[in-house]
Amino acid sequence: MASFVLAALAGFCLLLVRPYYQNWQLQQDLERLAFDPKNQNADPAMLAAEIVNRSAQLGLPVRLDQVRIHRSEAGLFIELRYFVRVELLVYTVDLHFRPKAGVR
């Protein structure tokens, strides 16, 4: 019985690791975009589309309306909000993420 509980717990953890890892990868991409000098004057719509495309490559459900890009004298600030639904056998959990990068 104890081995079943441990196996179930391990399976639960494995299901949750993937979205967190994908979010970490997206966070790295946002930082690269926010601090790249060539993006300081880039069209925000193009940057948002690039973020949505990269999110799709990672398997994350990010839509264009969830991406916010702010420009100031200090630099570029990118943030987005999205959630990933993880369905378990008897329970569903929504993991909410809010990655951001840049200077406000």
N, C-alpha and C. Protein backbone atom coordinates (compact mmCIF):
# COMPACT_ATOMS: atom_id res chain seq x y z
N MET A 1 0.82 -1.20 0.00
CA MET A 1 0.00 0.00 0.00
C MET A 1 0.87 1.26 0.00
N ALA A 2 1.94 1.23 0.80
CA ALA A 2 2.82 2.40 0.87
C ALA A 2 3.49 2.66 -0.48
N SER A 3 3.84 1.61 -1.19
CA SER A 3 4.48 1.80 -2.50
C SER A 3 3.49 2.40 -3.51
N PHE A 4 2.23 2.05 -3.38
CA PHE A 4 1.20 2.64 -4.26
C PHE A 4 1.07 4.13 -4.00
N VAL A 5 1.07 4.51 -2.74
CA VAL A 5 0.96 5.92 -2.37
C VAL A 5 2.18 6.69 -2.88
N LEU A 6 3.35 6.13 -2.73
CA LEU A 6 4.57 6.78 -3.22
C LEU A 6 4.56 6.90 -4.74
N ALA A 7 4.09 5.87 -5.42
CA ALA A 7 4.01 5.91 -6.88
C ALA A 7 3.01 6.97 -7.32
N ALA A 8 1.88 7.07 -6.64
CA ALA A 8 0.87 8.08 -6.98
C ALA A 8 1.42 9.48 -6.74
N LEU A 9 2.13 9.66 -5.65
CA LEU A 9 2.72 10.95 -5.35
C LEU A 9 3.78 11.32 -6.39
N ALA A 10 4.60 10.36 -6.78
CA ALA A 10 5.61 10.61 -7.81
C ALA A 10 4.95 10.97 -9.14
N GLY A 11 3.89 10.28 -9.51
CA GLY A 11 3.18 10.59 -10.75
C GLY A 11 2.57 11.98 -10.71
N PHE A 12 2.02 12.35 -9.56
CA PHE A 12 1.44 13.68 -9.39
C PHE A 12 2.52 14.75 -9.57
N CYS A 13 3.67 14.54 -8.96
CA CYS A 13 4.77 15.49 -9.08
C CYS A 13 5.26 15.60 -10.52
N LEU A 14 5.34 14.49 -11.21
CA LEU A 14 5.79 14.52 -12.61
C LEU A 14 4.83 15.32 -13.49
N LEU A 15 3.53 15.22 -13.21
CA LEU A 15 2.56 15.98 -13.98
C LEU A 15 2.70 17.48 -13.74
N LEU A 16 3.14 17.86 -12.56
CA LEU A 16 3.27 19.28 -12.23
C LEU A 16 4.62 19.86 -12.65
N VAL A 17 5.63 19.05 -12.79
CA VAL A 17 6.96 19.54 -13.13
C VAL A 17 6.98 20.14 -14.54
N ARG A 18 6.32 19.50 -15.47
CA ARG A 18 6.38 19.95 -16.87
C ARG A 18 5.91 21.39 -17.05
N PRO A 19 4.72 21.80 -16.53
CA PRO A 19 4.31 23.20 -16.72
C PRO A 19 5.26 24.20 -16.07
N TYR A 20 5.81 23.84 -14.92
CA TYR A 20 6.76 24.75 -14.27
C TYR A 20 8.05 24.87 -15.08
N TYR A 21 8.50 23.79 -15.65
CA TYR A 21 9.70 23.83 -16.49
C TYR A 21 9.45 24.65 -17.76
N GLN A 22 8.29 24.46 -18.37
CA GLN A 22 7.94 25.23 -19.56
C GLN A 22 7.86 26.72 -19.23
N ASN A 23 7.30 27.05 -18.07
CA ASN A 23 7.23 28.45 -17.66
C ASN A 23 8.63 29.02 -17.46
N TRP A 24 9.53 28.23 -16.89
CA TRP A 24 10.90 28.68 -16.70
C TRP A 24 11.56 28.97 -18.05
N GLN A 25 11.33 28.11 -19.03
CA GLN A 25 11.88 28.33 -20.37
C GLN A 25 11.32 29.62 -20.97
N LEU A 26 10.01 29.84 -20.80
CA LEU A 26 9.39 31.06 -21.32
C LEU A 26 9.96 32.28 -20.61
N GLN A 27 10.18 32.19 -19.32
CA GLN A 27 10.77 33.29 -18.56
C GLN A 27 12.15 33.65 -19.12
N GLN A 28 12.95 32.65 -19.45
CA GLN A 28 14.27 32.90 -20.04
C GLN A 28 14.14 33.62 -21.38
N ASP A 29 13.16 33.22 -22.19
CA ASP A 29 12.94 33.88 -23.48
C ASP A 29 12.49 35.33 -23.30
N LEU A 30 11.63 35.58 -22.30
CA LEU A 30 11.17 36.95 -22.05
C LEU A 30 12.35 37.84 -21.64
N GLU A 31 13.23 37.33 -20.81
CA GLU A 31 14.39 38.11 -20.40
C GLU A 31 15.31 38.41 -21.59
N ARG A 32 15.47 37.41 -22.45
CA ARG A 32 16.30 37.63 -23.65
C ARG A 32 15.69 38.73 -24.51
N LEU A 33 14.38 38.68 -24.72
CA LEU A 33 13.71 39.68 -25.54
C LEU A 33 13.73 41.07 -24.89
N ALA A 34 13.49 41.13 -23.59
CA ALA A 34 13.39 42.42 -22.90
C ALA A 34 14.72 43.17 -22.86
N PHE A 35 15.82 42.44 -22.77
CA PHE A 35 17.11 43.08 -22.62
C PHE A 35 17.93 43.12 -23.91
N ASP A 36 17.36 42.65 -25.00
CA ASP A 36 18.06 42.71 -26.29
C ASP A 36 17.93 44.14 -26.84
N PRO A 37 19.05 44.82 -27.06
CA PRO A 37 18.99 46.22 -27.53
C PRO A 37 18.21 46.42 -28.82
N LYS A 38 18.20 45.42 -29.71
CA LYS A 38 17.48 45.60 -30.97
C LYS A 38 15.97 45.60 -30.77
N ASN A 39 15.49 45.12 -29.62
CA ASN A 39 14.05 45.10 -29.37
C ASN A 39 13.54 46.36 -28.68
N GLN A 40 14.43 47.26 -28.30
CA GLN A 40 14.01 48.46 -27.58
C GLN A 40 13.09 49.33 -28.43
N ASN A 41 13.25 49.31 -29.74
CA ASN A 41 12.40 50.11 -30.62
C ASN A 41 11.54 49.24 -31.53
N ALA A 42 11.48 47.95 -31.25
CA ALA A 42 10.69 47.04 -32.09
C ALA A 42 9.20 47.26 -31.87
N ASP A 43 8.43 46.90 -32.86
CA ASP A 43 6.97 47.00 -32.79
C ASP A 43 6.44 46.07 -31.70
N PRO A 44 5.69 46.59 -30.73
CA PRO A 44 5.15 45.74 -29.66
C PRO A 44 4.29 44.58 -30.17
N ALA A 45 3.56 44.81 -31.25
CA ALA A 45 2.71 43.74 -31.81
C ALA A 45 3.57 42.59 -32.33
N MET A 46 4.71 42.93 -32.93
CA MET A 46 5.62 41.89 -33.43
C MET A 46 6.24 41.11 -32.27
N LEU A 47 6.63 41.83 -31.21
CA LEU A 47 7.19 41.15 -30.05
C LEU A 47 6.16 40.25 -29.38
N ALA A 48 4.93 40.74 -29.28
CA ALA A 48 3.86 39.93 -28.67
C ALA A 48 3.60 38.68 -29.50
N ALA A 49 3.60 38.82 -30.82
CA ALA A 49 3.40 37.66 -31.69
C ALA A 49 4.55 36.66 -31.53
N GLU A 50 5.77 37.17 -31.38
CA GLU A 50 6.92 36.28 -31.17
C GLU A 50 6.79 35.52 -29.85
N ILE A 51 6.30 36.20 -28.82
CA ILE A 51 6.11 35.56 -27.52
C ILE A 51 5.03 34.48 -27.60
N VAL A 52 3.94 34.78 -28.27
CA VAL A 52 2.86 33.79 -28.42
C VAL A 52 3.35 32.59 -29.21
N ASN A 53 4.11 32.83 -30.27
CA ASN A 53 4.64 31.72 -31.06
C ASN A 53 5.59 30.85 -30.24
N ARG A 54 6.46 31.48 -29.48
CA ARG A 54 7.39 30.72 -28.64
C ARG A 54 6.64 29.93 -27.58
N SER A 55 5.60 30.54 -27.02
CA SER A 55 4.78 29.84 -26.03
C SER A 55 4.13 28.61 -26.64
N ALA A 56 3.64 28.75 -27.86
CA ALA A 56 3.02 27.62 -28.55
C ALA A 56 4.04 26.51 -28.79
N GLN A 57 5.27 26.89 -29.14
CA GLN A 57 6.33 25.88 -29.32
C GLN A 57 6.60 25.12 -28.02
N LEU A 58 6.47 25.81 -26.90
CA LEU A 58 6.68 25.18 -25.61
C LEU A 58 5.45 24.40 -25.13
N GLY A 59 4.33 24.56 -25.84
CA GLY A 59 3.10 23.88 -25.45
C GLY A 59 2.30 24.62 -24.41
N LEU A 60 2.51 25.94 -24.31
CA LEU A 60 1.80 26.75 -23.32
C LEU A 60 0.63 27.48 -23.97
N PRO A 61 -0.50 27.56 -23.28
CA PRO A 61 -1.70 28.18 -23.85
C PRO A 61 -1.72 29.70 -23.66
N VAL A 62 -0.83 30.41 -24.34
CA VAL A 62 -0.77 31.87 -24.22
C VAL A 62 -1.41 32.48 -25.46
N ARG A 63 -2.32 33.43 -25.22
CA ARG A 63 -2.98 34.15 -26.32
C ARG A 63 -2.40 35.56 -26.42
N LEU A 64 -2.58 36.17 -27.55
CA LEU A 64 -2.05 37.50 -27.81
C LEU A 64 -2.57 38.53 -26.80
N ASP A 65 -3.83 38.41 -26.39
CA ASP A 65 -4.39 39.38 -25.46
C ASP A 65 -3.87 39.22 -24.03
N GLN A 66 -3.08 38.19 -23.77
CA GLN A 66 -2.51 37.98 -22.45
C GLN A 66 -1.11 38.57 -22.31
N VAL A 67 -0.57 39.08 -23.40
CA VAL A 67 0.79 39.64 -23.41
C VAL A 67 0.69 41.16 -23.28
N ARG A 68 1.43 41.71 -22.32
CA ARG A 68 1.49 43.15 -22.12
C ARG A 68 2.95 43.60 -22.30
N ILE A 69 3.13 44.60 -23.16
CA ILE A 69 4.47 45.15 -23.39
C ILE A 69 4.41 46.64 -23.11
N HIS A 70 5.26 47.08 -22.19
CA HIS A 70 5.31 48.49 -21.81
C HIS A 70 6.70 49.02 -22.13
N ARG A 71 6.70 50.23 -22.68
CA ARG A 71 7.96 50.88 -23.01
C ARG A 71 8.08 52.13 -22.14
N SER A 72 9.26 52.35 -21.60
CA SER A 72 9.52 53.57 -20.84
C SER A 72 10.92 54.04 -21.18
N GLU A 73 11.31 55.17 -20.58
CA GLU A 73 12.66 55.67 -20.81
C GLU A 73 13.71 54.69 -20.28
N ALA A 74 13.33 53.93 -19.24
CA ALA A 74 14.25 52.98 -18.64
C ALA A 74 14.45 51.74 -19.50
N GLY A 75 13.48 51.40 -20.34
CA GLY A 75 13.60 50.22 -21.19
C GLY A 75 12.28 49.55 -21.46
N LEU A 76 12.36 48.29 -21.77
CA LEU A 76 11.21 47.49 -22.17
C LEU A 76 10.79 46.59 -21.02
N PHE A 77 9.47 46.48 -20.80
CA PHE A 77 8.94 45.60 -19.76
C PHE A 77 7.88 44.71 -20.40
N ILE A 78 8.05 43.40 -20.22
CA ILE A 78 7.12 42.42 -20.80
C ILE A 78 6.53 41.60 -19.67
N GLU A 79 5.22 41.43 -19.69
CA GLU A 79 4.58 40.54 -18.72
C GLU A 79 3.40 39.84 -19.39
N LEU A 80 3.08 38.69 -18.87
CA LEU A 80 1.90 37.98 -19.35
C LEU A 80 1.34 37.12 -18.23
N ARG A 81 0.08 36.81 -18.39
CA ARG A 81 -0.62 35.94 -17.44
C ARG A 81 -1.28 34.83 -18.23
N TYR A 82 -1.15 33.64 -17.71
CA TYR A 82 -1.82 32.50 -18.33
C TYR A 82 -1.95 31.40 -17.28
N PHE A 83 -2.74 30.42 -17.60
CA PHE A 83 -2.84 29.27 -16.69
C PHE A 83 -2.78 27.99 -17.49
N VAL A 84 -2.33 26.95 -16.81
CA VAL A 84 -2.25 25.61 -17.40
C VAL A 84 -3.13 24.70 -16.56
N ARG A 85 -4.05 24.03 -17.20
CA ARG A 85 -4.92 23.08 -16.50
C ARG A 85 -4.26 21.70 -16.50
N VAL A 86 -4.10 21.15 -15.32
CA VAL A 86 -3.53 19.81 -15.16
C VAL A 86 -4.64 18.92 -14.64
N GLU A 87 -4.97 17.92 -15.43
CA GLU A 87 -6.05 17.01 -15.05
C GLU A 87 -5.47 15.72 -14.50
N LEU A 88 -5.84 15.43 -13.27
CA LEU A 88 -5.43 14.20 -12.62
C LEU A 88 -6.61 13.24 -12.68
N LEU A 89 -6.45 12.08 -12.14
CA LEU A 89 -7.53 11.09 -12.22
C LEU A 89 -8.83 11.58 -11.57
N VAL A 90 -8.73 12.17 -10.40
CA VAL A 90 -9.95 12.57 -9.69
C VAL A 90 -9.96 14.06 -9.37
N TYR A 91 -9.00 14.80 -9.87
CA TYR A 91 -8.89 16.21 -9.50
C TYR A 91 -8.28 16.99 -10.66
N THR A 92 -8.73 18.22 -10.83
CA THR A 92 -8.18 19.11 -11.84
C THR A 92 -7.65 20.35 -11.14
N VAL A 93 -6.45 20.75 -11.48
CA VAL A 93 -5.85 21.93 -10.87
C VAL A 93 -5.43 22.90 -11.97
N ASP A 94 -5.69 24.18 -11.75
CA ASP A 94 -5.24 25.23 -12.66
C ASP A 94 -4.01 25.88 -12.05
N LEU A 95 -2.91 25.82 -12.77
CA LEU A 95 -1.67 26.46 -12.34
C LEU A 95 -1.58 27.82 -13.01
N HIS A 96 -1.55 28.87 -12.23
CA HIS A 96 -1.52 30.24 -12.76
C HIS A 96 -0.07 30.73 -12.78
N PHE A 97 0.32 31.30 -13.91
CA PHE A 97 1.67 31.81 -14.08
C PHE A 97 1.63 33.26 -14.50
N ARG A 98 2.65 34.01 -14.07
CA ARG A 98 2.76 35.42 -14.44
C ARG A 98 4.22 35.79 -14.65
N PRO A 99 4.82 35.27 -15.72
CA PRO A 99 6.22 35.62 -15.99
C PRO A 99 6.34 37.08 -16.47
N LYS A 100 7.45 37.69 -16.09
CA LYS A 100 7.70 39.06 -16.52
C LYS A 100 9.20 39.29 -16.58
N ALA A 101 9.57 40.28 -17.39
CA ALA A 101 10.99 40.59 -17.55
C ALA A 101 11.13 42.03 -18.03
N GLY A 102 12.25 42.62 -17.72
CA GLY A 102 12.52 43.95 -18.21
C GLY A 102 12.58 44.97 -17.10
N VAL A 103 12.53 46.23 -17.50
CA VAL A 103 12.62 47.36 -16.59
C VAL A 103 11.32 48.14 -16.65
N ARG A 104 10.78 48.42 -15.50
CA ARG A 104 9.51 49.20 -15.47
C ARG A 104 9.76 50.63 -15.62
